[in-house]
Amino acid sequence: MIRTIKILGAALAVLLPVLAIGGPAKAASDQGATQVAASPTPPKYPTTISLPNGFRPEGIATGPGPYAYFGSLGDGSIYRADLRDGSGAIISPGPGTSSVGMKTDRRGRLFVAGGGSGGARVIDTRTGRILASYRLSSVPALINDVVVTRDAAYFTDSTNPVLYKVPLNGRRLPDAATPIPITGDLVYRPGFNANGITPTPDGRGLIVVQSNTGGLFRVDPSGATRQIDLHGETLPAGDGLLLLGRTLYAVQNQLNSVAVIRLNAEGTEGHLERRVTDPRFDVPTTVAAFGNRLYLPNARFSTPPTPETPYTAVAIPRP
């Protein structure tokens, strides 16, 4: 053993001076060897994600895994982005009508609100295959957003005072949705009414924002609504909602901001803690979370859409 150590020590004594002056790699360079620059590595979890030109994003959903899904207001296509490096592709060509709000479930199904088509569809996030389509309204409607709970998916209609419930029992999707008339404090008026939707913290009801009035409402399973007491605050231009614990994030699209509201467990009262913004916001519409970040697509409603108009989604630290 001692003899082995002495031999290794002698070898190191020879190598160290060579390493100190750059070793064989430097010698090769000095002799004119070609040096190939390494390709730039995409940033890990970039904070700005480029979407296809002309895409016109509105809705966003994240997961399972480090993926985000965006729907096009133009033709309804679904784009999947890898949040690790920002790469992505269209996984489901659109039906020619809008895709608006969307949510994923643990089974890898994407529930998509169909906007002015009056319908909705469910897409397999792995294959892009349409698993189910629903005709929610037989009259002109704007199916705007959706939330997936433990037992159902609920869609809002910004034109008609009704929610649409798609029961979820096991793997099999139902053949039809059930309309739930909205009653109580949420009274429809001209313009965009019920928009973003999310569960209450206790899971016993739903929360809906009314875009044109800025009101926030708790909705019982029966459809009865009660205005949430925000102690004088309102949410004008309220759009997508996201609940994490008892913290509600409410996007106010035209205001380029996200309201951060602390709710009680029942979702009957809340306190506005602050509003956050970012210089990269350009009319963000909806919000989803991954890790310690919030991701928001820029709908750019104030920019005339063309096939070459650039679009992005941005990530901000979770407030």
Protein backbone atom coordinates (compact mmCIF):
# COMPACT_ATOMS: atom_id res chain seq x y z
CA MET A 1 0.00 0.00 0.00
CA ILE A 2 2.79 2.44 0.95
CA ARG A 3 4.58 1.68 -2.34
CA THR A 4 1.32 2.37 -4.26
CA ILE A 5 0.89 5.74 -2.58
CA LYS A 6 4.45 6.69 -3.47
CA ILE A 7 3.86 5.79 -7.12
CA LEU A 8 0.64 7.87 -7.22
CA GLY A 9 2.42 10.77 -5.60
CA ALA A 10 5.10 10.69 -8.24
CA ALA A 11 2.52 10.63 -11.01
CA LEU A 12 0.72 13.64 -9.56
CA ALA A 13 3.96 15.51 -9.28
CA VAL A 14 4.40 15.11 -13.04
CA LEU A 15 0.78 15.99 -13.92
CA LEU A 16 0.21 19.05 -11.74
CA PRO A 17 2.59 21.39 -13.65
CA VAL A 18 0.95 20.36 -16.90
CA LEU A 19 -2.53 21.06 -15.53
CA ALA A 20 -1.39 24.38 -14.14
CA ILE A 21 -0.44 25.69 -17.58
CA GLY A 22 -3.52 24.36 -19.33
CA GLY A 23 -2.56 20.77 -20.08
CA PRO A 24 -2.99 19.04 -23.41
CA ALA A 25 -6.15 21.03 -24.30
CA LYS A 26 -4.15 24.26 -24.21
CA ALA A 27 -1.34 22.72 -26.17
CA ALA A 28 -3.78 21.62 -28.88
CA SER A 29 -5.22 25.13 -28.96
CA ASP A 30 -1.77 26.63 -29.32
CA GLN A 31 -1.18 24.37 -32.30
CA GLY A 32 -4.24 25.74 -34.08
CA ALA A 33 -6.80 23.05 -33.20
CA THR A 34 -10.37 24.06 -34.07
CA GLN A 35 -12.41 25.13 -31.03
CA VAL A 36 -16.21 24.55 -31.27
CA ALA A 37 -18.34 26.89 -29.15
CA ALA A 38 -21.02 25.18 -27.10
CA SER A 39 -24.60 25.82 -28.22
CA PRO A 40 -26.45 28.19 -25.88
CA THR A 41 -28.64 26.30 -23.45
CA PRO A 42 -32.26 27.46 -23.14
CA PRO A 43 -32.89 29.09 -19.77
CA LYS A 44 -34.21 26.79 -17.08
CA TYR A 45 -37.90 27.57 -16.50
CA PRO A 46 -37.98 30.84 -18.50
CA THR A 47 -40.17 33.66 -17.23
CA THR A 48 -41.43 34.60 -20.70
CA ILE A 49 -42.79 31.96 -23.08
CA SER A 50 -43.26 32.73 -26.76
CA LEU A 51 -46.49 31.48 -28.32
CA PRO A 52 -47.12 31.13 -32.07
CA ASN A 53 -47.59 34.38 -33.97
CA GLY A 54 -51.26 35.10 -34.52
CA PHE A 55 -52.30 32.57 -31.87
CA ARG A 56 -54.50 34.91 -29.77
CA PRO A 57 -54.28 33.15 -26.37
CA GLU A 58 -56.91 33.51 -23.67
CA GLY A 59 -57.09 30.47 -21.40
CA ILE A 60 -54.32 28.62 -19.58
CA ALA A 61 -54.09 25.40 -17.60
CA THR A 62 -51.07 23.68 -16.05
CA GLY A 63 -50.20 20.07 -15.26
CA PRO A 64 -49.96 17.21 -14.91
CA GLY A 65 -46.21 17.76 -14.94
CA PRO A 66 -44.28 20.86 -16.04
CA TYR A 67 -46.58 21.74 -18.92
CA ALA A 68 -48.95 24.60 -19.70
CA TYR A 69 -51.84 24.52 -22.16
CA PHE A 70 -53.13 27.56 -24.03
CA GLY A 71 -56.27 27.96 -26.11
CA SER A 72 -56.63 30.14 -29.21
CA LEU A 73 -59.42 32.66 -29.54
CA GLY A 74 -58.86 32.48 -33.29
CA ASP A 75 -59.43 28.88 -34.33
CA GLY A 76 -59.57 27.08 -30.98
CA SER A 77 -56.26 25.24 -31.31
CA ILE A 78 -54.54 23.99 -28.16
CA TYR A 79 -50.84 24.72 -27.68
CA ARG A 80 -48.74 22.84 -25.13
CA ALA A 81 -45.62 24.54 -23.73
CA ASP A 82 -42.88 22.85 -21.73
CA LEU A 83 -42.30 25.15 -18.77
CA ARG A 84 -38.76 23.86 -18.34
CA ASP A 85 -37.44 25.42 -21.53
CA GLY A 86 -40.36 27.24 -23.19
CA SER A 87 -40.58 24.91 -26.20
CA GLY A 88 -44.00 23.86 -27.44
CA ALA A 89 -46.31 22.78 -30.23
CA ILE A 90 -49.96 22.59 -31.25
CA ILE A 91 -51.32 19.30 -29.87
CA SER A 92 -54.95 19.69 -30.95
CA PRO A 93 -55.99 21.63 -34.07
CA GLY A 94 -58.94 23.90 -33.43
CA PRO A 95 -62.50 23.35 -34.62
CA GLY A 96 -62.64 26.85 -36.09
CA THR A 97 -64.31 28.36 -33.02
CA SER A 98 -62.75 29.93 -29.94
CA SER A 99 -61.15 28.16 -27.02
CA VAL A 100 -61.46 30.30 -23.91
CA GLY A 101 -61.00 29.21 -20.27
CA MET A 102 -59.61 25.74 -19.56
CA LYS A 103 -58.58 23.42 -16.74
CA THR A 104 -56.87 20.03 -16.48
CA ASP A 105 -57.67 17.20 -14.11
CA ARG A 106 -55.45 14.50 -12.59
CA ARG A 107 -56.32 12.09 -15.38
CA GLY A 108 -54.65 14.33 -17.96
CA ARG A 109 -57.90 15.61 -19.45
CA LEU A 110 -58.24 19.22 -20.57
CA PHE A 111 -61.70 20.81 -20.21
CA VAL A 112 -62.14 23.69 -22.66
CA ALA A 113 -64.81 26.41 -22.70
CA GLY A 114 -65.95 26.99 -26.28
CA GLY A 115 -66.79 30.70 -26.21
CA GLY A 116 -69.39 31.83 -28.74
CA SER A 117 -69.89 28.31 -30.06
CA GLY A 118 -72.05 27.62 -27.01
CA GLY A 119 -70.20 24.38 -26.42
CA ALA A 120 -67.31 22.74 -24.61
CA ARG A 121 -64.97 19.86 -25.21
CA VAL A 122 -62.60 17.57 -23.33
CA ILE A 123 -59.17 16.79 -24.78
CA ASP A 124 -56.58 14.15 -23.93
CA THR A 125 -53.44 16.15 -23.10
CA ARG A 126 -51.18 13.26 -24.13
CA THR A 127 -52.57 12.72 -27.63
CA GLY A 128 -54.64 15.83 -28.37
CA ARG A 129 -57.61 13.58 -29.12
CA ILE A 130 -61.09 14.98 -28.39
CA LEU A 131 -62.64 12.74 -25.74
CA ALA A 132 -66.05 14.44 -25.56
CA SER A 133 -67.94 17.42 -26.96
CA TYR A 134 -70.92 19.14 -25.37
CA ARG A 135 -73.55 21.48 -26.72
CA LEU A 136 -74.22 23.52 -23.58
CA SER A 137 -76.64 26.15 -24.87
CA SER A 138 -79.25 26.19 -27.61
CA VAL A 139 -79.40 30.02 -27.61
CA PRO A 140 -76.59 32.52 -28.28
CA ALA A 141 -74.07 32.14 -25.46
CA LEU A 142 -70.50 32.88 -24.42
CA ILE A 143 -69.07 29.87 -22.59
CA ASN A 144 -66.22 31.67 -20.88
CA ASP A 145 -64.46 29.65 -18.19
CA VAL A 146 -64.41 26.33 -16.38
CA VAL A 147 -63.36 24.82 -13.07
CA VAL A 148 -62.85 21.14 -12.31
CA THR A 149 -63.80 19.97 -8.81
CA ARG A 150 -63.69 16.48 -7.29
CA ASP A 151 -67.05 15.51 -8.78
CA ALA A 152 -67.79 17.84 -11.70
CA ALA A 153 -66.63 20.44 -14.21
CA TYR A 154 -68.57 23.73 -14.12
CA PHE A 155 -68.69 26.16 -17.04
CA THR A 156 -69.70 29.83 -16.90
CA ASP A 157 -71.82 31.62 -19.49
CA SER A 158 -71.20 35.37 -19.73
CA THR A 159 -74.42 35.94 -21.69
CA ASN A 160 -77.01 33.76 -19.94
CA PRO A 161 -77.53 33.40 -16.15
CA VAL A 162 -76.70 29.73 -15.95
CA LEU A 163 -73.84 27.39 -15.03
CA TYR A 164 -73.33 24.11 -16.86
CA LYS A 165 -72.31 21.06 -14.85
CA VAL A 166 -70.52 18.04 -16.35
CA PRO A 167 -70.62 15.31 -13.66
CA LEU A 168 -67.39 13.37 -13.23
CA ASN A 169 -67.76 9.87 -11.88
CA GLY A 170 -64.75 7.72 -12.62
CA ARG A 171 -63.08 7.63 -16.01
CA ARG A 172 -66.19 7.73 -18.17
CA LEU A 173 -67.40 11.14 -19.28
CA PRO A 174 -71.18 11.74 -19.34
CA ASP A 175 -73.13 12.22 -22.54
CA ALA A 176 -74.56 15.62 -21.59
CA ALA A 177 -74.19 18.54 -19.21
CA THR A 178 -76.75 19.76 -16.69
CA PRO A 179 -77.76 23.46 -16.69
CA ILE A 180 -77.96 25.18 -13.28
CA PRO A 181 -79.89 28.50 -13.32
CA ILE A 182 -78.18 31.34 -11.45
CA THR A 183 -80.36 33.08 -8.87
CA GLY A 184 -79.83 35.53 -6.02
CA ASP A 185 -77.41 38.44 -5.83
CA LEU A 186 -75.69 37.88 -9.20
CA VAL A 187 -77.97 39.73 -11.62
CA TYR A 188 -77.00 39.74 -15.30
CA ARG A 189 -76.58 43.09 -17.03
CA PRO A 190 -75.41 44.24 -20.48
CA GLY A 191 -71.85 43.19 -21.22
CA PHE A 192 -69.72 40.34 -19.84
CA ASN A 193 -71.27 38.82 -16.74
CA ALA A 194 -70.10 35.60 -15.08
CA ASN A 195 -66.52 34.97 -16.12
CA GLY A 196 -63.79 33.34 -14.01
CA ILE A 197 -64.77 30.51 -11.67
CA THR A 198 -63.04 28.60 -8.86
CA PRO A 199 -64.06 26.58 -5.77
CA THR A 200 -64.55 28.08 -2.32
CA PRO A 201 -61.78 27.25 0.17
CA ASP A 202 -64.00 24.73 1.98
CA GLY A 203 -64.93 23.06 -1.32
CA ARG A 204 -68.67 23.38 -0.66
CA GLY A 205 -69.42 26.04 -3.23
CA LEU A 206 -68.05 28.00 -6.16
CA ILE A 207 -66.78 31.55 -6.62
CA VAL A 208 -67.59 33.56 -9.76
CA VAL A 209 -66.50 37.05 -10.80
CA GLN A 210 -68.86 39.32 -12.77
CA SER A 211 -66.67 41.25 -15.21
CA ASN A 212 -68.97 44.19 -15.94
CA THR A 213 -69.74 45.04 -12.30
CA GLY A 214 -66.57 43.85 -10.57
CA GLY A 215 -68.66 41.83 -8.13
CA LEU A 216 -67.44 38.57 -6.62
CA PHE A 217 -70.04 35.93 -5.74
CA ARG A 218 -70.32 32.68 -3.87
CA VAL A 219 -72.46 30.13 -5.73
CA ASP A 220 -74.21 27.24 -3.99
CA PRO A 221 -74.61 23.89 -5.78
CA SER A 222 -78.24 24.90 -6.39
CA GLY A 223 -77.15 28.01 -8.31
CA ALA A 224 -78.15 30.47 -5.56
CA THR A 225 -75.59 33.29 -5.34
CA ARG A 226 -74.50 35.62 -2.59
CA GLN A 227 -72.16 38.56 -3.07
CA ILE A 228 -68.85 38.13 -1.26
CA ASP A 229 -68.09 40.96 1.13
CA LEU A 230 -64.82 42.55 -0.02
CA HIS A 231 -65.22 45.50 2.37
CA GLY A 232 -65.73 48.11 -0.32
CA GLU A 233 -63.39 46.66 -2.95
CA THR A 234 -64.51 45.52 -6.40
CA LEU A 235 -62.85 43.70 -9.29
CA PRO A 236 -63.66 45.62 -12.49
CA ALA A 237 -62.53 43.78 -15.64
CA GLY A 238 -62.34 40.63 -13.51
CA ASP A 239 -61.37 37.61 -15.58
CA GLY A 240 -59.60 34.38 -14.61
CA LEU A 241 -59.65 33.19 -10.99
CA LEU A 242 -57.26 30.86 -9.16
CA LEU A 243 -57.63 29.65 -5.58
CA LEU A 244 -54.61 28.35 -3.66
CA GLY A 245 -55.49 27.53 -0.08
CA ARG A 246 -57.47 30.54 1.09
CA THR A 247 -55.73 32.99 -1.26
CA LEU A 248 -57.68 34.01 -4.35
CA TYR A 249 -55.85 35.42 -7.37
CA ALA A 250 -58.16 37.43 -9.62
CA VAL A 251 -56.91 38.70 -12.97
CA GLN A 252 -58.16 42.17 -13.95
CA ASN A 253 -57.38 42.05 -17.63
CA GLN A 254 -57.69 45.64 -18.90
CA LEU A 255 -56.05 46.88 -15.69
CA ASN A 256 -52.97 44.69 -16.24
CA SER A 257 -53.05 43.50 -12.67
CA VAL A 258 -53.76 40.55 -10.39
CA ALA A 259 -55.72 41.12 -7.19
CA VAL A 260 -54.62 39.04 -4.20
CA ILE A 261 -57.52 38.38 -1.85
CA ARG A 262 -57.56 36.49 1.46
CA LEU A 263 -60.87 34.64 1.91
CA ASN A 264 -62.58 33.01 4.82
CA ALA A 265 -63.17 29.26 4.60
CA GLU A 266 -66.76 29.56 3.38
CA GLY A 267 -65.92 32.08 0.67
CA THR A 268 -68.40 34.64 1.96
CA GLU A 269 -65.90 37.34 2.95
CA GLY A 270 -62.51 38.48 1.73
CA HIS A 271 -59.87 41.15 2.21
CA LEU A 272 -57.86 42.59 -0.68
CA GLU A 273 -54.22 42.28 0.35
CA ARG A 274 -52.68 43.93 -2.70
CA ARG A 275 -52.62 44.15 -6.47
CA VAL A 276 -49.56 43.07 -8.41
CA THR A 277 -48.50 43.98 -11.92
CA ASP A 278 -45.56 43.46 -14.24
CA PRO A 279 -44.19 45.57 -17.12
CA ARG A 280 -44.60 42.53 -19.41
CA PHE A 281 -48.36 42.35 -18.86
CA ASP A 282 -50.32 43.14 -22.02
CA VAL A 283 -53.94 42.44 -21.07
CA PRO A 284 -53.45 39.14 -19.25
CA THR A 285 -56.66 37.16 -19.03
CA THR A 286 -56.29 33.98 -17.01
CA VAL A 287 -53.86 32.51 -14.49
CA ALA A 288 -52.46 29.13 -13.52
CA ALA A 289 -49.79 28.05 -11.05
CA PHE A 290 -46.74 25.84 -11.26
CA GLY A 291 -44.18 25.64 -8.49
CA ASN A 292 -43.77 29.02 -6.86
CA ARG A 293 -44.89 30.94 -9.94
CA LEU A 294 -48.05 32.21 -11.55
CA TYR A 295 -48.33 31.99 -15.35
CA LEU A 296 -50.53 34.38 -17.35
CA PRO A 297 -51.16 34.60 -21.13
CA ASN A 298 -51.15 38.05 -22.70
CA ALA A 299 -54.31 38.32 -24.81
CA ARG A 300 -53.31 41.77 -26.13
CA PHE A 301 -56.93 42.81 -26.65
CA SER A 302 -55.85 46.40 -27.37
CA THR A 303 -53.63 45.24 -30.27
CA PRO A 304 -55.33 44.49 -33.62
CA PRO A 305 -54.76 40.77 -34.27
CA THR A 306 -52.98 39.72 -37.45
CA PRO A 307 -51.39 36.42 -38.50
CA GLU A 308 -48.01 37.93 -37.57
CA THR A 309 -48.92 39.46 -34.21
CA PRO A 310 -46.57 38.05 -31.53
CA TYR A 311 -47.98 36.65 -28.30
CA THR A 312 -46.42 35.57 -25.03
CA ALA A 313 -47.20 34.17 -21.62
CA VAL A 314 -45.33 35.47 -18.61
CA ALA A 315 -44.41 34.02 -15.24
CA ILE A 316 -44.26 36.02 -12.05
CA PRO A 317 -43.34 34.96 -8.49
CA ARG A 318 -46.40 33.84 -6.58
CA PRO A 319 -47.40 36.80 -4.39
